[in-house]
Amino acid sequence: LEKELGYTLFQRSRTGAVLTPKGEQIY
């Protein structure tokens, strides 16, 4: 999905996944 959209949706880490600004926009 991220590849199709052309941007990252989540910042991934060992502790979880947080929406990026673009992710927050489309949520």
PDB file of all heavy atoms in Angstrom:
ATOM      1  N   LEU A   1       0.832  -1.200   0.000  1.00  0.00           N
ATOM      2  CA  LEU A   1       0.000   0.000   0.000  1.00  0.00           C
ATOM      3  C   LEU A   1       0.870   1.255   0.000  1.00  0.00           C
ATOM      4  O   LEU A   1       0.616   2.197  -0.761  1.00  0.00           O
ATOM      5  CB  LEU A   1      -0.934  -0.010   1.219  1.00  0.00           C
ATOM      6  CG  LEU A   1      -1.831   1.209   1.401  1.00  0.00           C
ATOM      7  CD1 LEU A   1      -2.764   1.395   0.211  1.00  0.00           C
ATOM      8  CD2 LEU A   1      -2.623   1.086   2.699  1.00  0.00           C
ATOM      9  N   GLU A   2       1.906   1.256   0.829  1.00  0.00           N
ATOM     10  CA  GLU A   2       2.820   2.398   0.877  1.00  0.00           C
ATOM     11  C   GLU A   2       3.508   2.614  -0.471  1.00  0.00           C
ATOM     12  O   GLU A   2       3.641   3.759  -0.927  1.00  0.00           O
ATOM     13  CB  GLU A   2       3.867   2.194   1.979  1.00  0.00           C
ATOM     14  CG  GLU A   2       3.293   2.303   3.380  1.00  0.00           C
ATOM     15  CD  GLU A   2       4.273   1.946   4.473  1.00  0.00           C
ATOM     16  OE1 GLU A   2       5.149   1.070   4.251  1.00  0.00           O
ATOM     17  OE2 GLU A   2       4.164   2.538   5.561  1.00  0.00           O
ATOM     18  N   LYS A   3       3.889   1.545  -1.116  1.00  0.00           N
ATOM     19  CA  LYS A   3       4.527   1.656  -2.429  1.00  0.00           C
ATOM     20  C   LYS A   3       3.554   2.256  -3.444  1.00  0.00           C
ATOM     21  O   LYS A   3       3.914   3.135  -4.226  1.00  0.00           O
ATOM     22  CB  LYS A   3       5.022   0.290  -2.901  1.00  0.00           C
ATOM     23  CG  LYS A   3       5.765   0.336  -4.204  1.00  0.00           C
ATOM     24  CD  LYS A   3       6.318  -1.013  -4.586  1.00  0.00           C
ATOM     25  CE  LYS A   3       7.070  -0.920  -5.901  1.00  0.00           C
ATOM     26  NZ  LYS A   3       7.602  -2.205  -6.333  1.00  0.00           N
ATOM     27  N   GLU A   4       2.324   1.779  -3.414  1.00  0.00           N
ATOM     28  CA  GLU A   4       1.305   2.292  -4.336  1.00  0.00           C
ATOM     29  C   GLU A   4       1.031   3.779  -4.089  1.00  0.00           C
ATOM     30  O   GLU A   4       0.894   4.557  -5.035  1.00  0.00           O
ATOM     31  CB  GLU A   4       0.011   1.492  -4.174  1.00  0.00           C
ATOM     32  CG  GLU A   4      -1.102   1.939  -5.080  1.00  0.00           C
ATOM     33  CD  GLU A   4      -2.370   1.125  -4.931  1.00  0.00           C
ATOM     34  OE1 GLU A   4      -2.349   0.049  -4.306  1.00  0.00           O
ATOM     35  OE2 GLU A   4      -3.406   1.581  -5.450  1.00  0.00           O
ATOM     36  N   LEU A   5       0.955   4.162  -2.820  1.00  0.00           N
ATOM     37  CA  LEU A   5       0.672   5.562  -2.484  1.00  0.00           C
ATOM     38  C   LEU A   5       1.877   6.477  -2.700  1.00  0.00           C
ATOM     39  O   LEU A   5       1.724   7.664  -2.940  1.00  0.00           O
ATOM     40  CB  LEU A   5       0.210   5.667  -1.024  1.00  0.00           C
ATOM     41  CG  LEU A   5      -1.119   5.004  -0.687  1.00  0.00           C
ATOM     42  CD1 LEU A   5      -1.370   5.050   0.810  1.00  0.00           C
ATOM     43  CD2 LEU A   5      -2.258   5.664  -1.450  1.00  0.00           C
ATOM     44  N   GLY A   6       3.073   5.901  -2.543  1.00  0.00           N
ATOM     45  CA  GLY A   6       4.276   6.687  -2.734  1.00  0.00           C
ATOM     46  C   GLY A   6       4.775   7.372  -1.479  1.00  0.00           C
ATOM     47  O   GLY A   6       5.597   8.291  -1.565  1.00  0.00           O
ATOM     48  N   TYR A   7       4.283   6.943  -0.342  1.00  0.00           N
ATOM     49  CA  TYR A   7       4.764   7.487   0.926  1.00  0.00           C
ATOM     50  C   TYR A   7       4.570   6.486   2.053  1.00  0.00           C
ATOM     51  O   TYR A   7       3.765   5.563   1.955  1.00  0.00           O
ATOM     52  CB  TYR A   7       4.110   8.826   1.275  1.00  0.00           C
ATOM     53  CG  TYR A   7       2.598   8.875   1.159  1.00  0.00           C
ATOM     54  CD1 TYR A   7       1.775   8.411   2.182  1.00  0.00           C
ATOM     55  CD2 TYR A   7       1.989   9.413   0.024  1.00  0.00           C
ATOM     56  CE1 TYR A   7       0.404   8.473   2.075  1.00  0.00           C
ATOM     57  CE2 TYR A   7       0.608   9.471  -0.086  1.00  0.00           C
ATOM     58  CZ  TYR A   7      -0.181   9.015   0.945  1.00  0.00           C
ATOM     59  OH  TYR A   7      -1.540   9.075   0.844  1.00  0.00           O
ATOM     60  N   THR A   8       5.337   6.707   3.124  1.00  0.00           N
ATOM     61  CA  THR A   8       5.318   5.832   4.296  1.00  0.00           C
ATOM     62  C   THR A   8       4.143   6.211   5.200  1.00  0.00           C
ATOM     63  O   THR A   8       3.892   7.401   5.426  1.00  0.00           O
ATOM     64  CB  THR A   8       6.642   5.964   5.076  1.00  0.00           C
ATOM     65  OG1 THR A   8       7.714   5.672   4.176  1.00  0.00           O
ATOM     66  CG2 THR A   8       6.693   5.005   6.249  1.00  0.00           C
ATOM     67  N   LEU A   9       3.453   5.210   5.711  1.00  0.00           N
ATOM     68  CA  LEU A   9       2.298   5.441   6.582  1.00  0.00           C
ATOM     69  C   LEU A   9       2.637   5.360   8.061  1.00  0.00           C
ATOM     70  O   LEU A   9       1.986   6.001   8.883  1.00  0.00           O
ATOM     71  CB  LEU A   9       1.197   4.426   6.259  1.00  0.00           C
ATOM     72  CG  LEU A   9       0.635   4.513   4.841  1.00  0.00           C
ATOM     73  CD1 LEU A   9      -0.264   3.324   4.555  1.00  0.00           C
ATOM     74  CD2 LEU A   9      -0.103   5.824   4.651  1.00  0.00           C
ATOM     75  N   PHE A  10       3.651   4.545   8.390  1.00  0.00           N
ATOM     76  CA  PHE A  10       3.999   4.309   9.792  1.00  0.00           C
ATOM     77  C   PHE A  10       5.494   4.482  10.022  1.00  0.00           C
ATOM     78  O   PHE A  10       6.303   4.113   9.182  1.00  0.00           O
ATOM     79  CB  PHE A  10       3.612   2.883  10.220  1.00  0.00           C
ATOM     80  CG  PHE A  10       2.143   2.613  10.180  1.00  0.00           C
ATOM     81  CD1 PHE A  10       1.581   1.939   9.108  1.00  0.00           C
ATOM     82  CD2 PHE A  10       1.316   3.031  11.209  1.00  0.00           C
ATOM     83  CE1 PHE A  10       0.225   1.689   9.056  1.00  0.00           C
ATOM     84  CE2 PHE A  10      -0.043   2.781  11.167  1.00  0.00           C
ATOM     85  CZ  PHE A  10      -0.593   2.107  10.088  1.00  0.00           C
ATOM     86  N   GLN A  11       5.819   4.999  11.194  1.00  0.00           N
ATOM     87  CA  GLN A  11       7.183   4.939  11.690  1.00  0.00           C
ATOM     88  C   GLN A  11       7.234   3.669  12.528  1.00  0.00           C
ATOM     89  O   GLN A  11       6.503   3.539  13.511  1.00  0.00           O
ATOM     90  CB  GLN A  11       7.508   6.158  12.555  1.00  0.00           C
ATOM     91  CG  GLN A  11       7.562   7.440  11.785  1.00  0.00           C
ATOM     92  CD  GLN A  11       7.811   8.629  12.698  1.00  0.00           C
ATOM     93  OE1 GLN A  11       7.575   8.589  13.893  1.00  0.00           O
ATOM     94  NE2 GLN A  11       8.286   9.706  12.105  1.00  0.00           N
ATOM     95  N   ARG A  12       8.050   2.727  12.101  1.00  0.00           N
ATOM     96  CA  ARG A  12       8.123   1.434  12.760  1.00  0.00           C
ATOM     97  C   ARG A  12       9.289   1.413  13.745  1.00  0.00           C
ATOM     98  O   ARG A  12      10.351   1.940  13.458  1.00  0.00           O
ATOM     99  CB  ARG A  12       8.293   0.327  11.728  1.00  0.00           C
ATOM    100  CG  ARG A  12       7.119   0.183  10.765  1.00  0.00           C
ATOM    101  CD  ARG A  12       7.595  -0.419   9.449  1.00  0.00           C
ATOM    102  NE  ARG A  12       6.537  -0.782   8.534  1.00  0.00           N
ATOM    103  CZ  ARG A  12       6.005   0.041   7.646  1.00  0.00           C
ATOM    104  NH1 ARG A  12       6.418   1.289   7.563  1.00  0.00           N
ATOM    105  NH2 ARG A  12       5.053  -0.385   6.825  1.00  0.00           N
ATOM    106  N   SER A  13       9.053   0.775  14.898  1.00  0.00           N
ATOM    107  CA  SER A  13      10.122   0.587  15.872  1.00  0.00           C
ATOM    108  C   SER A  13       9.839  -0.697  16.646  1.00  0.00           C
ATOM    109  O   SER A  13       8.791  -1.317  16.474  1.00  0.00           O
ATOM    110  CB  SER A  13      10.206   1.775  16.835  1.00  0.00           C
ATOM    111  OG  SER A  13       9.103   1.774  17.723  1.00  0.00           O
ATOM    112  N   ARG A  14      10.758  -1.071  17.489  1.00  0.00           N
ATOM    113  CA  ARG A  14      10.547  -2.280  18.308  1.00  0.00           C
ATOM    114  C   ARG A  14       9.354  -2.131  19.234  1.00  0.00           C
ATOM    115  O   ARG A  14       8.739  -3.107  19.621  1.00  0.00           O
ATOM    116  CB  ARG A  14      11.788  -2.567  19.148  1.00  0.00           C
ATOM    117  CG  ARG A  14      12.948  -3.063  18.359  1.00  0.00           C
ATOM    118  CD  ARG A  14      14.076  -3.394  19.274  1.00  0.00           C
ATOM    119  NE  ARG A  14      15.242  -3.824  18.509  1.00  0.00           N
ATOM    120  CZ  ARG A  14      16.302  -4.323  19.052  1.00  0.00           C
ATOM    121  NH1 ARG A  14      16.402  -4.443  20.355  1.00  0.00           N
ATOM    122  NH2 ARG A  14      17.304  -4.698  18.289  1.00  0.00           N
ATOM    123  N   THR A  15       9.046  -0.896  19.600  1.00  0.00           N
ATOM    124  CA  THR A  15       7.958  -0.668  20.555  1.00  0.00           C
ATOM    125  C   THR A  15       6.608  -0.450  19.904  1.00  0.00           C
ATOM    126  O   THR A  15       5.607  -0.337  20.593  1.00  0.00           O
ATOM    127  CB  THR A  15       8.278   0.544  21.457  1.00  0.00           C
ATOM    128  OG1 THR A  15       8.467   1.691  20.625  1.00  0.00           O
ATOM    129  CG2 THR A  15       9.519   0.295  22.292  1.00  0.00           C
ATOM    130  N   GLY A  16       6.558  -0.377  18.571  1.00  0.00           N
ATOM    131  CA  GLY A  16       5.271  -0.231  17.917  1.00  0.00           C
ATOM    132  C   GLY A  16       5.339   0.486  16.592  1.00  0.00           C
ATOM    133  O   GLY A  16       6.399   0.598  15.975  1.00  0.00           O
ATOM    134  N   ALA A  17       4.194   0.994  16.193  1.00  0.00           N
ATOM    135  CA  ALA A  17       4.049   1.685  14.916  1.00  0.00           C
ATOM    136  C   ALA A  17       3.244   2.961  15.150  1.00  0.00           C
ATOM    137  O   ALA A  17       2.149   2.907  15.705  1.00  0.00           O
ATOM    138  CB  ALA A  17       3.342   0.791  13.906  1.00  0.00           C
ATOM    139  N   VAL A  18       3.810   4.080  14.734  1.00  0.00           N
ATOM    140  CA  VAL A  18       3.163   5.373  14.905  1.00  0.00           C
ATOM    141  C   VAL A  18       2.917   5.959  13.521  1.00  0.00           C
ATOM    142  O   VAL A  18       3.766   5.857  12.627  1.00  0.00           O
ATOM    143  CB  VAL A  18       4.053   6.325  15.741  1.00  0.00           C
ATOM    144  CG1 VAL A  18       3.413   7.689  15.896  1.00  0.00           C
ATOM    145  CG2 VAL A  18       4.362   5.712  17.094  1.00  0.00           C
ATOM    146  N   LEU A  19       1.766   6.572  13.344  1.00  0.00           N
ATOM    147  CA  LEU A  19       1.457   7.182  12.062  1.00  0.00           C
ATOM    148  C   LEU A  19       2.441   8.295  11.728  1.00  0.00           C
ATOM    149  O   LEU A  19       2.806   9.097  12.589  1.00  0.00           O
ATOM    150  CB  LEU A  19       0.041   7.768  12.082  1.00  0.00           C
ATOM    151  CG  LEU A  19      -1.112   6.777  12.060  1.00  0.00           C
ATOM    152  CD1 LEU A  19      -2.425   7.505  12.310  1.00  0.00           C
ATOM    153  CD2 LEU A  19      -1.167   6.019  10.756  1.00  0.00           C
ATOM    154  N   THR A  20       2.856   8.328  10.469  1.00  0.00           N
ATOM    155  CA  THR A  20       3.644   9.444   9.962  1.00  0.00           C
ATOM    156  C   THR A  20       2.678  10.612   9.722  1.00  0.00           C
ATOM    157  O   THR A  20       1.445  10.427   9.772  1.00  0.00           O
ATOM    158  CB  THR A  20       4.320   9.075   8.626  1.00  0.00           C
ATOM    159  OG1 THR A  20       3.296   8.788   7.670  1.00  0.00           O
ATOM    160  CG2 THR A  20       5.267   7.901   8.774  1.00  0.00           C
ATOM    161  N   PRO A  21       3.181  11.797   9.431  1.00  0.00           N
ATOM    162  CA  PRO A  21       2.263  12.903   9.098  1.00  0.00           C
ATOM    163  C   PRO A  21       1.312  12.562   7.947  1.00  0.00           C
ATOM    164  O   PRO A  21       0.124  12.885   8.011  1.00  0.00           O
ATOM    165  CB  PRO A  21       3.217  14.052   8.729  1.00  0.00           C
ATOM    166  CG  PRO A  21       4.425  13.790   9.591  1.00  0.00           C
ATOM    167  CD  PRO A  21       4.568  12.274   9.576  1.00  0.00           C
ATOM    168  N   LYS A  22       1.800  11.883   6.915  1.00  0.00           N
ATOM    169  CA  LYS A  22       0.916  11.458   5.808  1.00  0.00           C
ATOM    170  C   LYS A  22      -0.107  10.432   6.298  1.00  0.00           C
ATOM    171  O   LYS A  22      -1.269  10.461   5.904  1.00  0.00           O
ATOM    172  CB  LYS A  22       1.715  10.868   4.646  1.00  0.00           C
ATOM    173  CG  LYS A  22       2.457  11.885   3.833  1.00  0.00           C
ATOM    174  CD  LYS A  22       1.528  12.633   2.924  1.00  0.00           C
ATOM    175  CE  LYS A  22       2.343  13.451   1.942  1.00  0.00           C
ATOM    176  NZ  LYS A  22       1.523  14.322   1.139  1.00  0.00           N
ATOM    177  N   GLY A  23       0.330   9.515   7.157  1.00  0.00           N
ATOM    178  CA  GLY A  23      -0.577   8.539   7.734  1.00  0.00           C
ATOM    179  C   GLY A  23      -1.676   9.209   8.535  1.00  0.00           C
ATOM    180  O   GLY A  23      -2.854   8.834   8.452  1.00  0.00           O
ATOM    181  N   GLU A  24      -1.314  10.227   9.310  1.00  0.00           N
ATOM    182  CA  GLU A  24      -2.303  10.989  10.075  1.00  0.00           C
ATOM    183  C   GLU A  24      -3.273  11.704   9.156  1.00  0.00           C
ATOM    184  O   GLU A  24      -4.460  11.810   9.461  1.00  0.00           O
ATOM    185  CB  GLU A  24      -1.604  12.007  10.979  1.00  0.00           C
ATOM    186  CG  GLU A  24      -0.881  11.376  12.150  1.00  0.00           C
ATOM    187  CD  GLU A  24      -0.153  12.394  13.016  1.00  0.00           C
ATOM    188  OE1 GLU A  24      -0.348  13.621  12.819  1.00  0.00           O
ATOM    189  OE2 GLU A  24       0.608  11.958  13.890  1.00  0.00           O
ATOM    190  N   GLN A  25      -2.771  12.164   8.023  1.00  0.00           N
ATOM    191  CA  GLN A  25      -3.612  12.855   7.050  1.00  0.00           C
ATOM    192  C   GLN A  25      -4.667  11.943   6.452  1.00  0.00           C
ATOM    193  O   GLN A  25      -5.817  12.341   6.275  1.00  0.00           O
ATOM    194  CB  GLN A  25      -2.742  13.408   5.925  1.00  0.00           C
ATOM    195  CG  GLN A  25      -2.772  14.881   5.780  1.00  0.00           C
ATOM    196  CD  GLN A  25      -1.894  15.324   4.615  1.00  0.00           C
ATOM    197  OE1 GLN A  25      -0.840  14.742   4.326  1.00  0.00           O
ATOM    198  NE2 GLN A  25      -2.318  16.360   3.951  1.00  0.00           N
ATOM    199  N   ILE A  26      -4.269  10.718   6.116  1.00  0.00           N
ATOM    200  CA  ILE A  26      -5.231   9.847   5.438  1.00  0.00           C
ATOM    201  C   ILE A  26      -6.102   9.049   6.407  1.00  0.00           C
ATOM    202  O   ILE A  26      -7.121   8.500   6.005  1.00  0.00           O
ATOM    203  CB  ILE A  26      -4.564   8.899   4.419  1.00  0.00           C
ATOM    204  CG1 ILE A  26      -3.774   7.792   5.099  1.00  0.00           C
ATOM    205  CG2 ILE A  26      -3.726   9.663   3.422  1.00  0.00           C
ATOM    206  CD1 ILE A  26      -3.465   6.635   4.186  1.00  0.00           C
ATOM    207  N   TYR A  27      -5.728   8.990   7.685  1.00  0.00           N
ATOM    208  CA  TYR A  27      -6.491   8.187   8.642  1.00  0.00           C
ATOM    209  C   TYR A  27      -7.982   8.541   8.661  1.00  0.00           C
ATOM    210  O   TYR A  27      -8.828   7.637   8.534  1.00  0.00           O
ATOM    211  CB  TYR A  27      -5.883   8.286  10.040  1.00  0.00           C
ATOM    212  CG  TYR A  27      -6.580   7.416  11.054  1.00  0.00           C
ATOM    213  CD1 TYR A  27      -6.414   6.034  11.052  1.00  0.00           C
ATOM    214  CD2 TYR A  27      -7.423   7.966  11.996  1.00  0.00           C
ATOM    215  CE1 TYR A  27      -7.060   5.230  11.976  1.00  0.00           C
ATOM    216  CE2 TYR A  27      -8.080   7.164  12.929  1.00  0.00           C
ATOM    217  CZ  TYR A  27      -7.892   5.811  12.914  1.00  0.00           C
ATOM    218  OH  TYR A  27      -8.538   5.014  13.819  1.00  0.00           O
TER     219      TYR A  27
END
